[in-house]
Amino acid sequence: MRPQARAPDTKGAGCPVAETALETGHEVSLDEVARPIEVLKVSSQSRPKSVAGALAAVLREKGEAEIQAVGAGAVNQAVKAIAIARSFVAPNGIDLVTIPAFHEIAIGGEERTAIKFTLGSR
């Protein structure tokens, strides 16, 4: 059984799940309050079908995910993985959509620009 928590009296501290629980007086599980988005890192050597399988598993479990890719080859593999993952999750009623964005990350102490794909269901 999952641990249950009563939403704090601090107006949910900006957490939509906690704020809804406060308004309705319902209990929420800790999984619902603190559920970070899973980030999959893709390289130019990643196999798209393997990434798609991992992505499909995360989407089925959590409903959302992120893919992070640095470089043209990595972005290419990520896009192929997203296309393959659409066919993996479609039978589960998930209409996969993605929102690409630039994201600054540090690799080896250097700032690099990555492409971040935020994925979810429509």
PDB file of N, CA and C in Angstrom:
ATOM      1  N   MET A   1       0.846  -1.184   0.000  1.00  0.00           N
ATOM      2  CA  MET A   1       0.000   0.000   0.000  1.00  0.00           C
ATOM      3  C   MET A   1       0.885   1.238   0.000  1.00  0.00           C
ATOM      4  N   ARG A   2       0.515   2.243  -0.776  1.00  0.00           N
ATOM      5  CA  ARG A   2       1.294   3.473  -0.863  1.00  0.00           C
ATOM      6  C   ARG A   2       1.115   4.322   0.386  1.00  0.00           C
ATOM      7  N   PRO A   3       2.167   5.052   0.778  1.00  0.00           N
ATOM      8  CA  PRO A   3       1.998   5.963   1.909  1.00  0.00           C
ATOM      9  C   PRO A   3       1.030   7.077   1.537  1.00  0.00           C
ATOM     10  N   GLN A   4       0.211   7.451   2.466  1.00  0.00           N
ATOM     11  CA  GLN A   4      -0.753   8.529   2.234  1.00  0.00           C
ATOM     12  C   GLN A   4      -0.317   9.758   3.010  1.00  0.00           C
ATOM     13  N   ALA A   5      -0.618  10.899   2.469  1.00  0.00           N
ATOM     14  CA  ALA A   5      -0.259  12.145   3.138  1.00  0.00           C
ATOM     15  C   ALA A   5      -1.419  13.111   3.034  1.00  0.00           C
ATOM     16  N   ARG A   6      -1.618  13.878   4.044  1.00  0.00           N
ATOM     17  CA  ARG A   6      -2.599  14.938   4.030  1.00  0.00           C
ATOM     18  C   ARG A   6      -1.882  16.165   3.493  1.00  0.00           C
ATOM     19  N   ALA A   7      -2.488  16.860   2.562  1.00  0.00           N
ATOM     20  CA  ALA A   7      -1.855  18.049   1.998  1.00  0.00           C
ATOM     21  C   ALA A   7      -1.573  19.061   3.108  1.00  0.00           C
ATOM     22  N   PRO A   8      -0.397  19.701   3.066  1.00  0.00           N
ATOM     23  CA  PRO A   8      -0.038  20.650   4.122  1.00  0.00           C
ATOM     24  C   PRO A   8      -0.943  21.868   4.142  1.00  0.00           C
ATOM     25  N   ASP A   9      -0.891  22.583   5.254  1.00  0.00           N
ATOM     26  CA  ASP A   9      -1.724  23.777   5.411  1.00  0.00           C
ATOM     27  C   ASP A   9      -1.115  25.013   4.763  1.00  0.00           C
ATOM     28  N   THR A  10      -0.084  24.838   3.924  1.00  0.00           N
ATOM     29  CA  THR A  10       0.593  25.975   3.314  1.00  0.00           C
ATOM     30  C   THR A  10       0.085  26.236   1.898  1.00  0.00           C
ATOM     31  N   LYS A  11      -1.168  25.945   1.644  1.00  0.00           N
ATOM     32  CA  LYS A  11      -1.805  26.162   0.341  1.00  0.00           C
ATOM     33  C   LYS A  11      -1.147  25.340  -0.756  1.00  0.00           C
ATOM     34  N   GLY A  12      -0.573  24.172  -0.388  1.00  0.00           N
ATOM     35  CA  GLY A  12      -0.031  23.277  -1.387  1.00  0.00           C
ATOM     36  C   GLY A  12       1.316  23.675  -1.926  1.00  0.00           C
ATOM     37  N   ALA A  13       1.855  24.785  -1.496  1.00  0.00           N
ATOM     38  CA  ALA A  13       3.189  25.252  -1.906  1.00  0.00           C
ATOM     39  C   ALA A  13       3.382  25.204  -3.420  1.00  0.00           C
ATOM     40  N   GLY A  14       2.351  25.544  -4.193  1.00  0.00           N
ATOM     41  CA  GLY A  14       2.467  25.619  -5.642  1.00  0.00           C
ATOM     42  C   GLY A  14       2.292  24.291  -6.355  1.00  0.00           C
ATOM     43  N   CYS A  15       1.989  23.232  -5.656  1.00  0.00           N
ATOM     44  CA  CYS A  15       1.793  21.913  -6.267  1.00  0.00           C
ATOM     45  C   CYS A  15       0.310  21.754  -6.609  1.00  0.00           C
ATOM     46  N   PRO A  16      -0.044  21.616  -7.905  1.00  0.00           N
ATOM     47  CA  PRO A  16      -1.449  21.527  -8.287  1.00  0.00           C
ATOM     48  C   PRO A  16      -2.192  20.370  -7.622  1.00  0.00           C
ATOM     49  N   VAL A  17      -1.533  19.218  -7.456  1.00  0.00           N
ATOM     50  CA  VAL A  17      -2.194  18.071  -6.827  1.00  0.00           C
ATOM     51  C   VAL A  17      -2.509  18.385  -5.377  1.00  0.00           C
ATOM     52  N   ALA A  18      -1.542  18.966  -4.661  1.00  0.00           N
ATOM     53  CA  ALA A  18      -1.749  19.298  -3.252  1.00  0.00           C
ATOM     54  C   ALA A  18      -2.803  20.392  -3.101  1.00  0.00           C
ATOM     55  N   GLU A  19      -2.793  21.379  -3.996  1.00  0.00           N
ATOM     56  CA  GLU A  19      -3.778  22.455  -3.912  1.00  0.00           C
ATOM     57  C   GLU A  19      -5.192  21.918  -4.132  1.00  0.00           C
ATOM     58  N   THR A  20      -5.344  20.991  -5.102  1.00  0.00           N
ATOM     59  CA  THR A  20      -6.657  20.385  -5.335  1.00  0.00           C
ATOM     60  C   THR A  20      -7.099  19.594  -4.118  1.00  0.00           C
ATOM     61  N   ALA A  21      -6.164  18.871  -3.497  1.00  0.00           N
ATOM     62  CA  ALA A  21      -6.492  18.086  -2.307  1.00  0.00           C
ATOM     63  C   ALA A  21      -6.940  18.997  -1.174  1.00  0.00           C
ATOM     64  N   LEU A  22      -6.294  20.146  -1.039  1.00  0.00           N
ATOM     65  CA  LEU A  22      -6.693  21.093   0.004  1.00  0.00           C
ATOM     66  C   LEU A  22      -8.110  21.601  -0.229  1.00  0.00           C
ATOM     67  N   GLU A  23      -8.413  21.906  -1.496  1.00  0.00           N
ATOM     68  CA  GLU A  23      -9.731  22.442  -1.815  1.00  0.00           C
ATOM     69  C   GLU A  23     -10.838  21.412  -1.585  1.00  0.00           C
ATOM     70  N   THR A  24     -10.550  20.148  -1.890  1.00  0.00           N
ATOM     71  CA  THR A  24     -11.573  19.115  -1.791  1.00  0.00           C
ATOM     72  C   THR A  24     -11.525  18.342  -0.486  1.00  0.00           C
ATOM     73  N   GLY A  25     -10.409  18.436   0.260  1.00  0.00           N
ATOM     74  CA  GLY A  25     -10.273  17.714   1.516  1.00  0.00           C
ATOM     75  C   GLY A  25      -9.902  16.250   1.335  1.00  0.00           C
ATOM     76  N   HIS A  26      -9.495  15.848   0.116  1.00  0.00           N
ATOM     77  CA  HIS A  26      -9.119  14.461  -0.151  1.00  0.00           C
ATOM     78  C   HIS A  26      -7.667  14.208   0.213  1.00  0.00           C
ATOM     79  N   GLU A  27      -7.365  12.948   0.522  1.00  0.00           N
ATOM     80  CA  GLU A  27      -5.985  12.548   0.741  1.00  0.00           C
ATOM     81  C   GLU A  27      -5.352  12.237  -0.602  1.00  0.00           C
ATOM     82  N   VAL A  28      -4.054  12.487  -0.698  1.00  0.00           N
ATOM     83  CA  VAL A  28      -3.304  12.179  -1.911  1.00  0.00           C
ATOM     84  C   VAL A  28      -2.097  11.342  -1.527  1.00  0.00           C
ATOM     85  N   SER A  29      -1.627  10.512  -2.459  1.00  0.00           N
ATOM     86  CA  SER A  29      -0.434   9.723  -2.178  1.00  0.00           C
ATOM     87  C   SER A  29       0.798  10.588  -2.416  1.00  0.00           C
ATOM     88  N   LEU A  30       1.891  10.218  -1.777  1.00  0.00           N
ATOM     89  CA  LEU A  30       3.136  10.962  -1.969  1.00  0.00           C
ATOM     90  C   LEU A  30       3.610  10.859  -3.403  1.00  0.00           C
ATOM     91  N   ASP A  31       3.275   9.767  -4.097  1.00  0.00           N
ATOM     92  CA  ASP A  31       3.644   9.616  -5.496  1.00  0.00           C
ATOM     93  C   ASP A  31       3.004  10.698  -6.359  1.00  0.00           C
ATOM     94  N   GLU A  32       1.787  11.100  -6.014  1.00  0.00           N
ATOM     95  CA  GLU A  32       1.088  12.109  -6.803  1.00  0.00           C
ATOM     96  C   GLU A  32       1.654  13.504  -6.575  1.00  0.00           C
ATOM     97  N   VAL A  33       2.161  13.775  -5.382  1.00  0.00           N
ATOM     98  CA  VAL A  33       2.656  15.113  -5.060  1.00  0.00           C
ATOM     99  C   VAL A  33       4.054  15.322  -5.609  1.00  0.00           C
ATOM    100  N   ALA A  34       4.961  14.377  -5.399  1.00  0.00           N
ATOM    101  CA  ALA A  34       6.353  14.519  -5.812  1.00  0.00           C
ATOM    102  C   ALA A  34       6.662  13.520  -6.918  1.00  0.00           C
ATOM    103  N   ARG A  35       6.288  13.847  -8.136  1.00  0.00           N
ATOM    104  CA  ARG A  35       6.492  12.944  -9.258  1.00  0.00           C
ATOM    105  C   ARG A  35       7.296  13.658 -10.335  1.00  0.00           C
ATOM    106  N   PRO A  36       8.636  13.577 -10.233  1.00  0.00           N
ATOM    107  CA  PRO A  36       9.452  14.260 -11.236  1.00  0.00           C
ATOM    108  C   PRO A  36       9.304  13.601 -12.606  1.00  0.00           C
ATOM    109  N   ILE A  37       9.493  14.383 -13.646  1.00  0.00           N
ATOM    110  CA  ILE A  37       9.410  13.855 -15.005  1.00  0.00           C
ATOM    111  C   ILE A  37      10.683  13.057 -15.289  1.00  0.00           C
ATOM    112  N   GLU A  38      10.516  11.877 -15.854  1.00  0.00           N
ATOM    113  CA  GLU A  38      11.637  11.016 -16.216  1.00  0.00           C
ATOM    114  C   GLU A  38      12.352  11.604 -17.425  1.00  0.00           C
ATOM    115  N   VAL A  39      13.693  11.741 -17.338  1.00  0.00           N
ATOM    116  CA  VAL A  39      14.498  12.286 -18.435  1.00  0.00           C
ATOM    117  C   VAL A  39      15.329  11.162 -19.034  1.00  0.00           C
ATOM    118  N   LEU A  40      15.121  10.891 -20.313  1.00  0.00           N
ATOM    119  CA  LEU A  40      15.916   9.906 -21.040  1.00  0.00           C
ATOM    120  C   LEU A  40      16.960  10.654 -21.858  1.00  0.00           C
ATOM    121  N   LYS A  41      18.212  10.267 -21.709  1.00  0.00           N
ATOM    122  CA  LYS A  41      19.294  10.917 -22.450  1.00  0.00           C
ATOM    123  C   LYS A  41      19.647  10.059 -23.651  1.00  0.00           C
ATOM    124  N   VAL A  42      19.679  10.686 -24.825  1.00  0.00           N
ATOM    125  CA  VAL A  42      19.907   9.982 -26.074  1.00  0.00           C
ATOM    126  C   VAL A  42      21.205  10.486 -26.695  1.00  0.00           C
ATOM    127  N   SER A  43      22.015   9.553 -27.188  1.00  0.00           N
ATOM    128  CA  SER A  43      23.249   9.920 -27.893  1.00  0.00           C
ATOM    129  C   SER A  43      23.122   9.525 -29.355  1.00  0.00           C
ATOM    130  N   SER A  44      24.115   9.876 -30.147  1.00  0.00           N
ATOM    131  CA  SER A  44      24.092   9.513 -31.572  1.00  0.00           C
ATOM    132  C   SER A  44      24.254   8.006 -31.757  1.00  0.00           C
ATOM    133  N   GLN A  45      24.732   7.315 -30.719  1.00  0.00           N
ATOM    134  CA  GLN A  45      24.909   5.865 -30.784  1.00  0.00           C
ATOM    135  C   GLN A  45      23.693   5.098 -30.252  1.00  0.00           C
ATOM    136  N   SER A  46      22.685   5.793 -29.715  1.00  0.00           N
ATOM    137  CA  SER A  46      21.499   5.137 -29.164  1.00  0.00           C
ATOM    138  C   SER A  46      20.704   4.461 -30.270  1.00  0.00           C
ATOM    139  N   ARG A  47      20.172   3.278 -29.971  1.00  0.00           N
ATOM    140  CA  ARG A  47      19.322   2.567 -30.926  1.00  0.00           C
ATOM    141  C   ARG A  47      17.891   3.073 -30.761  1.00  0.00           C
ATOM    142  N   PRO A  48      17.302   3.659 -31.815  1.00  0.00           N
ATOM    143  CA  PRO A  48      15.966   4.251 -31.709  1.00  0.00           C
ATOM    144  C   PRO A  48      14.902   3.308 -31.163  1.00  0.00           C
ATOM    145  N   LYS A  49      14.923   2.030 -31.577  1.00  0.00           N
ATOM    146  CA  LYS A  49      13.901   1.101 -31.114  1.00  0.00           C
ATOM    147  C   LYS A  49      14.031   0.846 -29.614  1.00  0.00           C
ATOM    148  N   SER A  50      15.258   0.790 -29.102  1.00  0.00           N
ATOM    149  CA  SER A  50      15.475   0.596 -27.662  1.00  0.00           C
ATOM    150  C   SER A  50      15.004   1.820 -26.878  1.00  0.00           C
ATOM    151  N   VAL A  51      15.330   3.006 -27.387  1.00  0.00           N
ATOM    152  CA  VAL A  51      14.885   4.239 -26.733  1.00  0.00           C
ATOM    153  C   VAL A  51      13.364   4.314 -26.768  1.00  0.00           C
ATOM    154  N   ALA A  52      12.772   3.935 -27.893  1.00  0.00           N
ATOM    155  CA  ALA A  52      11.304   3.957 -28.027  1.00  0.00           C
ATOM    156  C   ALA A  52      10.650   3.033 -27.013  1.00  0.00           C
ATOM    157  N   GLY A  53      11.230   1.863 -26.784  1.00  0.00           N
ATOM    158  CA  GLY A  53      10.689   0.934 -25.799  1.00  0.00           C
ATOM    159  C   GLY A  53      10.749   1.499 -24.399  1.00  0.00           C
ATOM    160  N   ALA A  54      11.892   2.117 -24.056  1.00  0.00           N
ATOM    161  CA  ALA A  54      12.027   2.742 -22.742  1.00  0.00           C
ATOM    162  C   ALA A  54      11.054   3.902 -22.595  1.00  0.00           C
ATOM    163  N   LEU A  55      10.933   4.690 -23.640  1.00  0.00           N
ATOM    164  CA  LEU A  55      10.019   5.832 -23.633  1.00  0.00           C
ATOM    165  C   LEU A  55       8.574   5.367 -23.465  1.00  0.00           C
ATOM    166  N   ALA A  56       8.188   4.319 -24.181  1.00  0.00           N
ATOM    167  CA  ALA A  56       6.823   3.798 -24.082  1.00  0.00           C
ATOM    168  C   ALA A  56       6.533   3.319 -22.659  1.00  0.00           C
ATOM    169  N   ALA A  57       7.504   2.666 -22.035  1.00  0.00           N
ATOM    170  CA  ALA A  57       7.312   2.182 -20.666  1.00  0.00           C
ATOM    171  C   ALA A  57       7.110   3.341 -19.696  1.00  0.00           C
ATOM    172  N   VAL A  58       7.917   4.388 -19.841  1.00  0.00           N
ATOM    173  CA  VAL A  58       7.781   5.559 -18.966  1.00  0.00           C
ATOM    174  C   VAL A  58       6.434   6.238 -19.194  1.00  0.00           C
ATOM    175  N   LEU A  59       6.037   6.379 -20.445  1.00  0.00           N
ATOM    176  CA  LEU A  59       4.758   7.038 -20.750  1.00  0.00           C
ATOM    177  C   LEU A  59       3.576   6.255 -20.200  1.00  0.00           C
ATOM    178  N   ARG A  60       3.627   4.936 -20.302  1.00  0.00           N
ATOM    179  CA  ARG A  60       2.537   4.127 -19.758  1.00  0.00           C
ATOM    180  C   ARG A  60       2.468   4.243 -18.242  1.00  0.00           C
ATOM    181  N   GLU A  61       3.630   4.308 -17.601  1.00  0.00           N
ATOM    182  CA  GLU A  61       3.670   4.359 -16.141  1.00  0.00           C
ATOM    183  C   GLU A  61       3.380   5.738 -15.584  1.00  0.00           C
ATOM    184  N   LYS A  62       3.998   6.775 -16.170  1.00  0.00           N
ATOM    185  CA  LYS A  62       3.905   8.117 -15.600  1.00  0.00           C
ATOM    186  C   LYS A  62       3.078   9.095 -16.423  1.00  0.00           C
ATOM    187  N   GLY A  63       2.849   8.796 -17.704  1.00  0.00           N
ATOM    188  CA  GLY A  63       2.034   9.671 -18.533  1.00  0.00           C
ATOM    189  C   GLY A  63       2.786  10.802 -19.195  1.00  0.00           C
ATOM    190  N   GLU A  64       4.052  10.988 -18.823  1.00  0.00           N
ATOM    191  CA  GLU A  64       4.864  12.048 -19.430  1.00  0.00           C
ATOM    192  C   GLU A  64       6.336  11.684 -19.299  1.00  0.00           C
ATOM    193  N   ALA A  65       7.156  12.283 -20.157  1.00  0.00           N
ATOM    194  CA  ALA A  65       8.591  12.018 -20.132  1.00  0.00           C
ATOM    195  C   ALA A  65       9.309  13.142 -20.853  1.00  0.00           C
ATOM    196  N   GLU A  66      10.638  13.155 -20.718  1.00  0.00           N
ATOM    197  CA  GLU A  66      11.475  14.084 -21.466  1.00  0.00           C
ATOM    198  C   GLU A  66      12.613  13.305 -22.096  1.00  0.00           C
ATOM    199  N   ILE A  67      13.002  13.729 -23.282  1.00  0.00           N
ATOM    200  CA  ILE A  67      14.195  13.205 -23.934  1.00  0.00           C
ATOM    201  C   ILE A  67      15.148  14.373 -24.102  1.00  0.00           C
ATOM    202  N   GLN A  68      16.420  14.124 -23.797  1.00  0.00           N
ATOM    203  CA  GLN A  68      17.447  15.157 -23.907  1.00  0.00           C
ATOM    204  C   GLN A  68      18.496  14.666 -24.896  1.00  0.00           C
ATOM    205  N   ALA A  69      18.853  15.514 -25.873  1.00  0.00           N
ATOM    206  CA  ALA A  69      19.828  15.139 -26.895  1.00  0.00           C
ATOM    207  C   ALA A  69      20.758  16.321 -27.174  1.00  0.00           C
ATOM    208  N   VAL A  70      22.052  16.021 -27.276  1.00  0.00           N
ATOM    209  CA  VAL A  70      23.051  17.048 -27.602  1.00  0.00           C
ATOM    210  C   VAL A  70      23.716  16.643 -28.906  1.00  0.00           C
ATOM    211  N   GLY A  71      23.618  17.494 -29.914  1.00  0.00           N
ATOM    212  CA  GLY A  71      24.233  17.227 -31.209  1.00  0.00           C
ATOM    213  C   GLY A  71      23.229  16.718 -32.221  1.00  0.00           C
ATOM    214  N   ALA A  72      23.589  16.924 -33.493  1.00  0.00           N
ATOM    215  CA  ALA A  72      22.679  16.566 -34.587  1.00  0.00           C
ATOM    216  C   ALA A  72      22.385  15.068 -34.630  1.00  0.00           C
ATOM    217  N   GLY A  73      23.398  14.227 -34.440  1.00  0.00           N
ATOM    218  CA  GLY A  73      23.190  12.784 -34.477  1.00  0.00           C
ATOM    219  C   GLY A  73      22.269  12.309 -33.369  1.00  0.00           C
ATOM    220  N   ALA A  74      22.435  12.871 -32.179  1.00  0.00           N
ATOM    221  CA  ALA A  74      21.589  12.500 -31.040  1.00  0.00           C
ATOM    222  C   ALA A  74      20.149  12.964 -31.265  1.00  0.00           C
ATOM    223  N   VAL A  75      19.972  14.159 -31.802  1.00  0.00           N
ATOM    224  CA  VAL A  75      18.619  14.661 -32.085  1.00  0.00           C
ATOM    225  C   VAL A  75      17.952  13.774 -33.137  1.00  0.00           C
ATOM    226  N   ASN A  76      18.708  13.344 -34.147  1.00  0.00           N
ATOM    227  CA  ASN A  76      18.181  12.452 -35.177  1.00  0.00           C
ATOM    228  C   ASN A  76      17.680  11.142 -34.560  1.00  0.00           C
ATOM    229  N   GLN A  77      18.473  10.537 -33.693  1.00  0.00           N
ATOM    230  CA  GLN A  77      18.072   9.285 -33.056  1.00  0.00           C
ATOM    231  C   GLN A  77      16.853   9.496 -32.150  1.00  0.00           C
ATOM    232  N   ALA A  78      16.796  10.636 -31.472  1.00  0.00           N
ATOM    233  CA  ALA A  78      15.670  10.935 -30.589  1.00  0.00           C
ATOM    234  C   ALA A  78      14.375  11.078 -31.379  1.00  0.00           C
ATOM    235  N   VAL A  79      14.432  11.766 -32.505  1.00  0.00           N
ATOM    236  CA  VAL A  79      13.231  11.957 -33.324  1.00  0.00           C
ATOM    237  C   VAL A  79      12.740  10.620 -33.869  1.00  0.00           C
ATOM    238  N   LYS A  80      13.668   9.769 -34.298  1.00  0.00           N
ATOM    239  CA  LYS A  80      13.264   8.443 -34.770  1.00  0.00           C
ATOM    240  C   LYS A  80      12.629   7.635 -33.637  1.00  0.00           C
ATOM    241  N   ALA A  81      13.196   7.727 -32.438  1.00  0.00           N
ATOM    242  CA  ALA A  81      12.655   7.004 -31.281  1.00  0.00           C
ATOM    243  C   ALA A  81      11.243   7.479 -30.949  1.00  0.00           C
ATOM    244  N   ILE A  82      11.006   8.779 -31.037  1.00  0.00           N
ATOM    245  CA  ILE A  82       9.678   9.326 -30.749  1.00  0.00           C
ATOM    246  C   ILE A  82       8.660   8.803 -31.767  1.00  0.00           C
ATOM    247  N   ALA A  83       9.053   8.767 -33.035  1.00  0.00           N
ATOM    248  CA  ALA A  83       8.156   8.260 -34.079  1.00  0.00           C
ATOM    249  C   ALA A  83       7.820   6.790 -33.834  1.00  0.00           C
ATOM    250  N   ILE A  84       8.811   6.003 -33.447  1.00  0.00           N
ATOM    251  CA  ILE A  84       8.572   4.584 -33.170  1.00  0.00           C
ATOM    252  C   ILE A  84       7.703   4.423 -31.919  1.00  0.00           C
ATOM    253  N   ALA A  85       7.977   5.228 -30.899  1.00  0.00           N
ATOM    254  CA  ALA A  85       7.220   5.136 -29.639  1.00  0.00           C
ATOM    255  C   ALA A  85       5.737   5.435 -29.849  1.00  0.00           C
ATOM    256  N   ARG A  86       5.417   6.322 -30.795  1.00  0.00           N
ATOM    257  CA  ARG A  86       3.995   6.615 -31.081  1.00  0.00           C
ATOM    258  C   ARG A  86       3.247   5.331 -31.411  1.00  0.00           C
ATOM    259  N   SER A  87       3.868   4.462 -32.214  1.00  0.00           N
ATOM    260  CA  SER A  87       3.187   3.216 -32.591  1.00  0.00           C
ATOM    261  C   SER A  87       3.141   2.231 -31.416  1.00  0.00           C
ATOM    262  N   PHE A  88       4.111   2.325 -30.493  1.00  0.00           N
ATOM    263  CA  PHE A  88       4.103   1.438 -29.327  1.00  0.00           C
ATOM    264  C   PHE A  88       2.992   1.792 -28.341  1.00  0.00           C
ATOM    265  N   VAL A  89       2.693   3.083 -28.160  1.00  0.00           N
ATOM    266  CA  VAL A  89       1.722   3.491 -27.138  1.00  0.00           C
ATOM    267  C   VAL A  89       0.318   3.726 -27.693  1.00  0.00           C
ATOM    268  N   ALA A  90       0.168   3.787 -29.011  1.00  0.00           N
ATOM    269  CA  ALA A  90      -1.151   4.029 -29.612  1.00  0.00           C
ATOM    270  C   ALA A  90      -2.189   2.982 -29.194  1.00  0.00           C
ATOM    271  N   PRO A  91      -1.840   1.679 -29.122  1.00  0.00           N
ATOM    272  CA  PRO A  91      -2.844   0.698 -28.690  1.00  0.00           C
ATOM    273  C   PRO A  91      -3.328   0.908 -27.253  1.00  0.00           C
ATOM    274  N   ASN A  92      -2.564   1.661 -26.459  1.00  0.00           N
ATOM    275  CA  ASN A  92      -2.965   1.962 -25.083  1.00  0.00           C
ATOM    276  C   ASN A  92      -3.802   3.238 -25.002  1.00  0.00           C
ATOM    277  N   GLY A  93      -4.190   3.786 -26.159  1.00  0.00           N
ATOM    278  CA  GLY A  93      -5.005   5.000 -26.184  1.00  0.00           C
ATOM    279  C   GLY A  93      -4.211   6.271 -25.949  1.00  0.00           C
ATOM    280  N   ILE A  94      -2.893   6.207 -26.095  1.00  0.00           N
ATOM    281  CA  ILE A  94      -2.048   7.381 -25.887  1.00  0.00           C
ATOM    282  C   ILE A  94      -1.726   7.986 -27.247  1.00  0.00           C
ATOM    283  N   ASP A  95      -2.176   9.225 -27.464  1.00  0.00           N
ATOM    284  CA  ASP A  95      -1.858   9.975 -28.682  1.00  0.00           C
ATOM    285  C   ASP A  95      -0.656  10.843 -28.341  1.00  0.00           C
ATOM    286  N   LEU A  96       0.536  10.341 -28.646  1.00  0.00           N
ATOM    287  CA  LEU A  96       1.785  10.967 -28.217  1.00  0.00           C
ATOM    288  C   LEU A  96       2.038  12.282 -28.941  1.00  0.00           C
ATOM    289  N   VAL A  97       2.339  13.304 -28.171  1.00  0.00           N
ATOM    290  CA  VAL A  97       2.729  14.606 -28.719  1.00  0.00           C
ATOM    291  C   VAL A  97       4.035  15.019 -28.067  1.00  0.00           C
ATOM    292  N   THR A  98       4.795  15.848 -28.773  1.00  0.00           N
ATOM    293  CA  THR A  98       6.072  16.319 -28.235  1.00  0.00           C
ATOM    294  C   THR A  98       6.228  17.814 -28.434  1.00  0.00           C
ATOM    295  N   ILE A  99       6.919  18.430 -27.481  1.00  0.00           N
ATOM    296  CA  ILE A  99       7.213  19.857 -27.550  1.00  0.00           C
ATOM    297  C   ILE A  99       8.727  20.000 -27.469  1.00  0.00           C
ATOM    298  N   PRO A 100       9.372  20.386 -28.571  1.00  0.00           N
ATOM    299  CA  PRO A 100      10.825  20.562 -28.533  1.00  0.00           C
ATOM    300  C   PRO A 100      11.203  21.935 -27.983  1.00  0.00           C
ATOM    301  N   ALA A 101      12.357  21.991 -27.314  1.00  0.00           N
ATOM    302  CA  ALA A 101      12.837  23.261 -26.766  1.00  0.00           C
ATOM    303  C   ALA A 101      14.349  23.194 -26.600  1.00  0.00           C
ATOM    304  N   PHE A 102      15.000  24.347 -26.626  1.00  0.00           N
ATOM    305  CA  PHE A 102      16.429  24.405 -26.313  1.00  0.00           C
ATOM    306  C   PHE A 102      16.577  24.372 -24.801  1.00  0.00           C
ATOM    307  N   HIS A 103      17.655  23.734 -24.351  1.00  0.00           N
ATOM    308  CA  HIS A 103      17.893  23.594 -22.912  1.00  0.00           C
ATOM    309  C   HIS A 103      19.399  23.669 -22.670  1.00  0.00           C
ATOM    310  N   GLU A 104      19.822  24.548 -21.787  1.00  0.00           N
ATOM    311  CA  GLU A 104      21.243  24.680 -21.453  1.00  0.00           C
ATOM    312  C   GLU A 104      21.614  23.682 -20.368  1.00  0.00           C
ATOM    313  N   ILE A 105      22.655  22.883 -20.619  1.00  0.00           N
ATOM    314  CA  ILE A 105      23.111  21.902 -19.641  1.00  0.00           C
ATOM    315  C   ILE A 105      24.622  22.018 -19.477  1.00  0.00           C
ATOM    316  N   ALA A 106      25.148  21.479 -18.385  1.00  0.00           N
ATOM    317  CA  ALA A 106      26.590  21.470 -18.139  1.00  0.00           C
ATOM    318  C   ALA A 106      27.106  20.054 -18.351  1.00  0.00           C
ATOM    319  N   ILE A 107      28.101  19.920 -19.211  1.00  0.00           N
ATOM    320  CA  ILE A 107      28.752  18.632 -19.450  1.00  0.00           C
ATOM    321  C   ILE A 107      30.250  18.851 -19.256  1.00  0.00           C
ATOM    322  N   GLY A 108      30.810  18.172 -18.264  1.00  0.00           N
ATOM    323  CA  GLY A 108      32.242  18.318 -17.992  1.00  0.00           C
ATOM    324  C   GLY A 108      32.633  19.748 -17.644  1.00  0.00           C
ATOM    325  N   GLY A 109      31.752  20.453 -16.970  1.00  0.00           N
ATOM    326  CA  GLY A 109      32.028  21.827 -16.575  1.00  0.00           C
ATOM    327  C   GLY A 109      31.791  22.852 -17.673  1.00  0.00           C
ATOM    328  N   GLU A 110      31.393  22.412 -18.853  1.00  0.00           N
ATOM    329  CA  GLU A 110      31.121  23.333 -19.962  1.00  0.00           C
ATOM    330  C   GLU A 110      29.621  23.418 -20.221  1.00  0.00           C
ATOM    331  N   GLU A 111      29.171  24.605 -20.560  1.00  0.00           N
ATOM    332  CA  GLU A 111      27.768  24.803 -20.924  1.00  0.00           C
ATOM    333  C   GLU A 111      27.551  24.330 -22.354  1.00  0.00           C
ATOM    334  N   ARG A 112      26.531  23.495 -22.556  1.00  0.00           N
ATOM    335  CA  ARG A 112      26.175  23.002 -23.880  1.00  0.00           C
ATOM    336  C   ARG A 112      24.687  23.245 -24.092  1.00  0.00           C
ATOM    337  N   THR A 113      24.294  23.372 -25.344  1.00  0.00           N
ATOM    338  CA  THR A 113      22.884  23.521 -25.671  1.00  0.00           C
ATOM    339  C   THR A 113      22.345  22.170 -26.118  1.00  0.00           C
ATOM    340  N   ALA A 114      21.329  21.714 -25.451  1.00  0.00           N
ATOM    341  CA  ALA A 114      20.674  20.448 -25.786  1.00  0.00           C
ATOM    342  C   ALA A 114      19.302  20.750 -26.364  1.00  0.00           C
ATOM    343  N   ILE A 115      18.757  19.768 -27.030  1.00  0.00           N
ATOM    344  CA  ILE A 115      17.351  19.830 -27.431  1.00  0.00           C
ATOM    345  C   ILE A 115      16.601  18.952 -26.436  1.00  0.00           C
ATOM    346  N   LYS A 116      15.581  19.531 -25.827  1.00  0.00           N
ATOM    347  CA  LYS A 116      14.752  18.804 -24.867  1.00  0.00           C
ATOM    348  C   LYS A 116      13.394  18.587 -25.508  1.00  0.00           C
ATOM    349  N   PHE A 117      12.970  17.323 -25.567  1.00  0.00           N
ATOM    350  CA  PHE A 117      11.656  16.973 -26.081  1.00  0.00           C
ATOM    351  C   PHE A 117      10.781  16.618 -24.886  1.00  0.00           C
ATOM    352  N   THR A 118       9.747  17.393 -24.633  1.00  0.00           N
ATOM    353  CA  THR A 118       8.788  17.071 -23.586  1.00  0.00           C
ATOM    354  C   THR A 118       7.657  16.299 -24.245  1.00  0.00           C
ATOM    355  N   LEU A 119       7.381  15.110 -23.711  1.00  0.00           N
ATOM    356  CA  LEU A 119       6.403  14.208 -24.321  1.00  0.00           C
ATOM    357  C   LEU A 119       5.252  13.932 -23.394  1.00  0.00           C
ATOM    358  N   GLY A 120       4.066  13.844 -23.973  1.00  0.00           N
ATOM    359  CA  GLY A 120       2.869  13.530 -23.199  1.00  0.00           C
ATOM    360  C   GLY A 120       1.756  13.104 -24.125  1.00  0.00           C
ATOM    361  N   SER A 121       0.594  12.935 -23.571  1.00  0.00           N
ATOM    362  CA  SER A 121      -0.565  12.515 -24.343  1.00  0.00           C
ATOM    363  C   SER A 121      -1.472  13.698 -24.644  1.00  0.00           C
ATOM    364  N   ARG A 122      -2.062  13.683 -25.812  1.00  0.00           N
ATOM    365  CA  ARG A 122      -2.983  14.757 -26.200  1.00  0.00           C
ATOM    366  C   ARG A 122      -4.341  14.460 -25.632  1.00  0.00           C
TER     367      ARG A 122
END
